[in-house]
């Protein structure tokens, strides 16, 4: 999980900096920190609800 941050605003600022600089790619900017990694056992009730919703909305 990434650290909380204003990622949309930062992306827009990078795009603007790219346009203003005339470079082909946006500048590399530091991110808000090191991503966190979590592990957990599957929650079978949550998986079952997801599968049910997936099946009910297939083809929308």
PDB file of N, CA and C in Angstrom:
ATOM      1  N   UNK A   1       0.850  -1.168   0.000  1.00  0.00           N
ATOM      2  CA  UNK A   1       0.000   0.000   0.000  1.00  0.00           C
ATOM      3  C   UNK A   1       0.898   1.233   0.000  1.00  0.00           C
ATOM      4  N   UNK A   2       0.630   2.157  -0.899  1.00  0.00           N
ATOM      5  CA  UNK A   2       1.415   3.389  -0.878  1.00  0.00           C
ATOM      6  C   UNK A   2       1.023   4.272   0.304  1.00  0.00           C
ATOM      7  N   UNK A   3       1.931   5.136   0.674  1.00  0.00           N
ATOM      8  CA  UNK A   3       1.635   6.114   1.720  1.00  0.00           C
ATOM      9  C   UNK A   3       0.506   7.023   1.239  1.00  0.00           C
ATOM     10  N   UNK A   4      -0.334   7.530   2.137  1.00  0.00           N
ATOM     11  CA  UNK A   4      -1.369   8.479   1.719  1.00  0.00           C
ATOM     12  C   UNK A   4      -0.723   9.709   1.086  1.00  0.00           C
ATOM     13  N   UNK A   5      -1.361  10.233   0.063  1.00  0.00           N
ATOM     14  CA  UNK A   5      -0.813  11.416  -0.589  1.00  0.00           C
ATOM     15  C   UNK A   5      -1.770  11.978  -1.620  1.00  0.00           C
ATOM     16  N   UNK A   6      -1.433  13.120  -2.131  1.00  0.00           N
ATOM     17  CA  UNK A   6      -2.227  13.791  -3.165  1.00  0.00           C
ATOM     18  C   UNK A   6      -1.712  13.353  -4.535  1.00  0.00           C
ATOM     19  N   UNK A   7      -1.924  12.087  -4.874  1.00  0.00           N
ATOM     20  CA  UNK A   7      -1.343  11.514  -6.085  1.00  0.00           C
ATOM     21  C   UNK A   7      -1.914  12.121  -7.357  1.00  0.00           C
ATOM     22  N   UNK A   8      -3.179  12.451  -7.380  1.00  0.00           N
ATOM     23  CA  UNK A   8      -3.774  13.066  -8.572  1.00  0.00           C
ATOM     24  C   UNK A   8      -3.158  14.437  -8.799  1.00  0.00           C
ATOM     25  N   UNK A   9      -3.055  15.219  -7.746  1.00  0.00           N
ATOM     26  CA  UNK A   9      -2.466  16.557  -7.863  1.00  0.00           C
ATOM     27  C   UNK A   9      -0.999  16.469  -8.258  1.00  0.00           C
ATOM     28  N   UNK A  10      -0.271  15.523  -7.684  1.00  0.00           N
ATOM     29  CA  UNK A  10       1.140  15.371  -8.037  1.00  0.00           C
ATOM     30  C   UNK A  10       1.297  14.947  -9.494  1.00  0.00           C
ATOM     31  N   UNK A  11       0.408  14.076  -9.977  1.00  0.00           N
ATOM     32  CA  UNK A  11       0.458  13.669 -11.376  1.00  0.00           C
ATOM     33  C   UNK A  11       0.182  14.833 -12.307  1.00  0.00           C
ATOM     34  N   UNK A  12      -0.793  15.649 -11.957  1.00  0.00           N
ATOM     35  CA  UNK A  12      -1.112  16.825 -12.776  1.00  0.00           C
ATOM     36  C   UNK A  12       0.059  17.802 -12.778  1.00  0.00           C
ATOM     37  N   UNK A  13       0.699  17.978 -11.639  1.00  0.00           N
ATOM     38  CA  UNK A  13       1.850  18.880 -11.561  1.00  0.00           C
ATOM     39  C   UNK A  13       3.012  18.353 -12.397  1.00  0.00           C
ATOM     40  N   UNK A  14       3.230  17.042 -12.382  1.00  0.00           N
ATOM     41  CA  UNK A  14       4.295  16.455 -13.214  1.00  0.00           C
ATOM     42  C   UNK A  14       3.995  16.660 -14.691  1.00  0.00           C
ATOM     43  N   UNK A  15       2.739  16.470 -15.091  1.00  0.00           N
ATOM     44  CA  UNK A  15       2.372  16.688 -16.497  1.00  0.00           C
ATOM     45  C   UNK A  15       2.590  18.141 -16.885  1.00  0.00           C
ATOM     46  N   UNK A  16       2.212  19.065 -16.020  1.00  0.00           N
ATOM     47  CA  UNK A  16       2.407  20.486 -16.310  1.00  0.00           C
ATOM     48  C   UNK A  16       3.894  20.807 -16.416  1.00  0.00           C
ATOM     49  N   UNK A  17       4.703  20.256 -15.527  1.00  0.00           N
ATOM     50  CA  UNK A  17       6.146  20.487 -15.579  1.00  0.00           C
ATOM     51  C   UNK A  17       6.731  19.934 -16.871  1.00  0.00           C
ATOM     52  N   UNK A  18       6.219  18.808 -17.330  1.00  0.00           N
ATOM     53  CA  UNK A  18       6.678  18.207 -18.583  1.00  0.00           C
ATOM     54  C   UNK A  18       6.381  19.134 -19.751  1.00  0.00           C
ATOM     55  N   UNK A  19       5.165  19.658 -19.809  1.00  0.00           N
ATOM     56  CA  UNK A  19       4.773  20.562 -20.899  1.00  0.00           C
ATOM     57  C   UNK A  19       5.626  21.824 -20.863  1.00  0.00           C
ATOM     58  N   UNK A  20       5.792  22.399 -19.684  1.00  0.00           N
ATOM     59  CA  UNK A  20       6.555  23.641 -19.566  1.00  0.00           C
ATOM     60  C   UNK A  20       8.033  23.454 -19.887  1.00  0.00           C
ATOM     61  N   UNK A  21       8.579  22.275 -19.575  1.00  0.00           N
ATOM     62  CA  UNK A  21      10.001  22.031 -19.823  1.00  0.00           C
ATOM     63  C   UNK A  21      10.273  21.641 -21.270  1.00  0.00           C
ATOM     64  N   UNK A  22       9.243  21.170 -21.978  1.00  0.00           N
ATOM     65  CA  UNK A  22       9.432  20.729 -23.354  1.00  0.00           C
ATOM     66  C   UNK A  22      10.051  19.348 -23.475  1.00  0.00           C
ATOM     67  N   UNK A  23      10.217  18.660 -22.363  1.00  0.00           N
ATOM     68  CA  UNK A  23      10.798  17.315 -22.383  1.00  0.00           C
ATOM     69  C   UNK A  23       9.754  16.295 -22.835  1.00  0.00           C
ATOM     70  N   UNK A  24      10.228  15.140 -23.309  1.00  0.00           N
ATOM     71  CA  UNK A  24       9.321  14.091 -23.782  1.00  0.00           C
ATOM     72  C   UNK A  24       8.646  13.355 -22.629  1.00  0.00           C
ATOM     73  N   UNK A  25       9.313  13.291 -21.492  1.00  0.00           N
ATOM     74  CA  UNK A  25       8.775  12.561 -20.336  1.00  0.00           C
ATOM     75  C   UNK A  25       8.683  13.491 -19.133  1.00  0.00           C
ATOM     76  N   UNK A  26       7.709  13.245 -18.255  1.00  0.00           N
ATOM     77  CA  UNK A  26       7.612  14.062 -17.038  1.00  0.00           C
ATOM     78  C   UNK A  26       8.856  13.870 -16.169  1.00  0.00           C
ATOM     79  N   UNK A  27       9.212  14.862 -15.371  1.00  0.00           N
ATOM     80  CA  UNK A  27      10.367  14.714 -14.487  1.00  0.00           C
ATOM     81  C   UNK A  27      10.097  13.671 -13.409  1.00  0.00           C
ATOM     82  N   UNK A  28      11.151  13.029 -12.949  1.00  0.00           N
ATOM     83  CA  UNK A  28      11.026  12.054 -11.860  1.00  0.00           C
ATOM     84  C   UNK A  28      10.953  12.814 -10.547  1.00  0.00           C
ATOM     85  N   UNK A  29       9.896  12.596  -9.794  1.00  0.00           N
ATOM     86  CA  UNK A  29       9.720  13.249  -8.503  1.00  0.00           C
ATOM     87  C   UNK A  29       9.704  12.185  -7.423  1.00  0.00           C
ATOM     88  N   UNK A  30      10.194  12.547  -6.265  1.00  0.00           N
ATOM     89  CA  UNK A  30      10.196  11.620  -5.135  1.00  0.00           C
ATOM     90  C   UNK A  30       8.759  11.335  -4.703  1.00  0.00           C
ATOM     91  N   UNK A  31       8.527  10.118  -4.281  1.00  0.00           N
ATOM     92  CA  UNK A  31       7.199   9.745  -3.793  1.00  0.00           C
ATOM     93  C   UNK A  31       7.128   9.956  -2.283  1.00  0.00           C
ATOM     94  N   UNK A  32       5.987   9.656  -1.720  1.00  0.00           N
ATOM     95  CA  UNK A  32       5.723   9.932  -0.305  1.00  0.00           C
ATOM     96  C   UNK A  32       6.363   8.934   0.649  1.00  0.00           C
ATOM     97  N   UNK A  33       7.161   8.015   0.168  1.00  0.00           N
ATOM     98  CA  UNK A  33       7.804   7.072   1.077  1.00  0.00           C
ATOM     99  C   UNK A  33       7.820   5.673   0.511  1.00  0.00           C
ATOM    100  N   UNK A  34       8.191   4.745   1.346  1.00  0.00           N
ATOM    101  CA  UNK A  34       8.291   3.352   0.951  1.00  0.00           C
ATOM    102  C   UNK A  34       6.928   2.679   1.063  1.00  0.00           C
ATOM    103  N   UNK A  35       6.519   1.935   0.018  1.00  0.00           N
ATOM    104  CA  UNK A  35       5.223   1.243   0.105  1.00  0.00           C
ATOM    105  C   UNK A  35       5.213   0.224   1.247  1.00  0.00           C
ATOM    106  N   UNK A  36       4.064   0.044   1.820  1.00  0.00           N
ATOM    107  CA  UNK A  36       3.886  -0.949   2.880  1.00  0.00           C
ATOM    108  C   UNK A  36       3.313  -2.219   2.260  1.00  0.00           C
ATOM    109  N   UNK A  37       3.752  -3.349   2.758  1.00  0.00           N
ATOM    110  CA  UNK A  37       3.252  -4.633   2.280  1.00  0.00           C
ATOM    111  C   UNK A  37       2.563  -5.348   3.443  1.00  0.00           C
ATOM    112  N   UNK A  38       1.352  -5.797   3.195  1.00  0.00           N
ATOM    113  CA  UNK A  38       0.576  -6.488   4.215  1.00  0.00           C
ATOM    114  C   UNK A  38       0.302  -7.914   3.749  1.00  0.00           C
ATOM    115  N   UNK A  39       0.238  -8.822   4.682  1.00  0.00           N
ATOM    116  CA  UNK A  39      -0.151 -10.193   4.374  1.00  0.00           C
ATOM    117  C   UNK A  39      -1.279 -10.590   5.324  1.00  0.00           C
ATOM    118  N   UNK A  40      -2.178 -11.405   4.816  1.00  0.00           N
ATOM    119  CA  UNK A  40      -3.294 -11.873   5.639  1.00  0.00           C
ATOM    120  C   UNK A  40      -3.890 -13.109   4.987  1.00  0.00           C
ATOM    121  N   UNK A  41      -4.569 -13.867   5.777  1.00  0.00           N
ATOM    122  CA  UNK A  41      -5.291 -15.021   5.257  1.00  0.00           C
ATOM    123  C   UNK A  41      -6.535 -14.527   4.518  1.00  0.00           C
ATOM    124  N   UNK A  42      -6.974 -15.236   3.475  1.00  0.00           N
ATOM    125  CA  UNK A  42      -8.189 -14.814   2.769  1.00  0.00           C
ATOM    126  C   UNK A  42      -9.399 -14.831   3.697  1.00  0.00           C
ATOM    127  N   UNK A  43     -10.260 -13.857   3.535  1.00  0.00           N
ATOM    128  CA  UNK A  43     -11.523 -13.791   4.262  1.00  0.00           C
ATOM    129  C   UNK A  43     -12.568 -14.407   3.339  1.00  0.00           C
ATOM    130  N   UNK A  44     -12.966 -15.626   3.625  1.00  0.00           N
ATOM    131  CA  UNK A  44     -13.829 -16.379   2.718  1.00  0.00           C
ATOM    132  C   UNK A  44     -15.192 -15.720   2.511  1.00  0.00           C
ATOM    133  N   UNK A  45     -15.730 -15.051   3.518  1.00  0.00           N
ATOM    134  CA  UNK A  45     -17.009 -14.345   3.351  1.00  0.00           C
ATOM    135  C   UNK A  45     -16.870 -13.198   2.356  1.00  0.00           C
ATOM    136  N   UNK A  46     -15.779 -12.449   2.458  1.00  0.00           N
ATOM    137  CA  UNK A  46     -15.555 -11.338   1.532  1.00  0.00           C
ATOM    138  C   UNK A  46     -15.377 -11.854   0.115  1.00  0.00           C
ATOM    139  N   UNK A  47     -14.619 -12.917  -0.046  1.00  0.00           N
ATOM    140  CA  UNK A  47     -14.412 -13.502  -1.373  1.00  0.00           C
ATOM    141  C   UNK A  47     -15.738 -13.983  -1.946  1.00  0.00           C
ATOM    142  N   UNK A  48     -16.571 -14.620  -1.134  1.00  0.00           N
ATOM    143  CA  UNK A  48     -17.870 -15.110  -1.602  1.00  0.00           C
ATOM    144  C   UNK A  48     -18.764 -13.953  -2.041  1.00  0.00           C
ATOM    145  N   UNK A  49     -18.773 -12.856  -1.285  1.00  0.00           N
ATOM    146  CA  UNK A  49     -19.576 -11.689  -1.671  1.00  0.00           C
ATOM    147  C   UNK A  49     -19.061 -11.073  -2.968  1.00  0.00           C
ATOM    148  N   UNK A  50     -17.761 -10.994  -3.114  1.00  0.00           N
ATOM    149  CA  UNK A  50     -17.177 -10.471  -4.349  1.00  0.00           C
ATOM    150  C   UNK A  50     -17.583 -11.342  -5.535  1.00  0.00           C
ATOM    151  N   UNK A  51     -17.470 -12.660  -5.382  1.00  0.00           N
ATOM    152  CA  UNK A  51     -17.814 -13.567  -6.478  1.00  0.00           C
ATOM    153  C   UNK A  51     -19.284 -13.441  -6.852  1.00  0.00           C
ATOM    154  N   UNK A  52     -20.167 -13.306  -5.850  1.00  0.00           N
ATOM    155  CA  UNK A  52     -21.592 -13.148  -6.116  1.00  0.00           C
ATOM    156  C   UNK A  52     -21.857 -11.854  -6.887  1.00  0.00           C
ATOM    157  N   UNK A  53     -21.265 -10.759  -6.445  1.00  0.00           N
ATOM    158  CA  UNK A  53     -21.443  -9.482  -7.130  1.00  0.00           C
ATOM    159  C   UNK A  53     -20.872  -9.541  -8.542  1.00  0.00           C
ATOM    160  N   UNK A  54     -19.713 -10.153  -8.695  1.00  0.00           N
ATOM    161  CA  UNK A  54     -19.113 -10.304 -10.020  1.00  0.00           C
ATOM    162  C   UNK A  54     -20.059 -11.048 -10.957  1.00  0.00           C
ATOM    163  N   UNK A  55     -20.633 -12.136 -10.478  1.00  0.00           N
ATOM    164  CA  UNK A  55     -21.531 -12.936 -11.317  1.00  0.00           C
ATOM    165  C   UNK A  55     -22.819 -12.183 -11.650  1.00  0.00           C
ATOM    166  N   UNK A  56     -23.338 -11.403 -10.692  1.00  0.00           N
ATOM    167  CA  UNK A  56     -24.576 -10.657 -10.926  1.00  0.00           C
ATOM    168  C   UNK A  56     -24.391  -9.498 -11.898  1.00  0.00           C
ATOM    169  N   UNK A  57     -23.185  -8.965 -11.991  1.00  0.00           N
ATOM    170  CA  UNK A  57     -22.955  -7.787 -12.839  1.00  0.00           C
ATOM    171  C   UNK A  57     -22.212  -8.114 -14.126  1.00  0.00           C
ATOM    172  N   UNK A  58     -21.971  -9.374 -14.386  1.00  0.00           N
ATOM    173  CA  UNK A  58     -21.270  -9.749 -15.621  1.00  0.00           C
ATOM    174  C   UNK A  58     -22.094  -9.327 -16.837  1.00  0.00           C
ATOM    175  N   UNK A  59     -21.453  -8.691 -17.775  1.00  0.00           N
ATOM    176  CA  UNK A  59     -22.124  -8.286 -18.999  1.00  0.00           C
ATOM    177  C   UNK A  59     -22.778  -6.924 -18.950  1.00  0.00           C
ATOM    178  N   UNK A  60     -22.603  -6.177 -17.887  1.00  0.00           N
ATOM    179  CA  UNK A  60     -23.197  -4.836 -17.805  1.00  0.00           C
ATOM    180  C   UNK A  60     -22.602  -3.948 -18.841  1.00  0.00           C
TER     181      UNK A  60
END
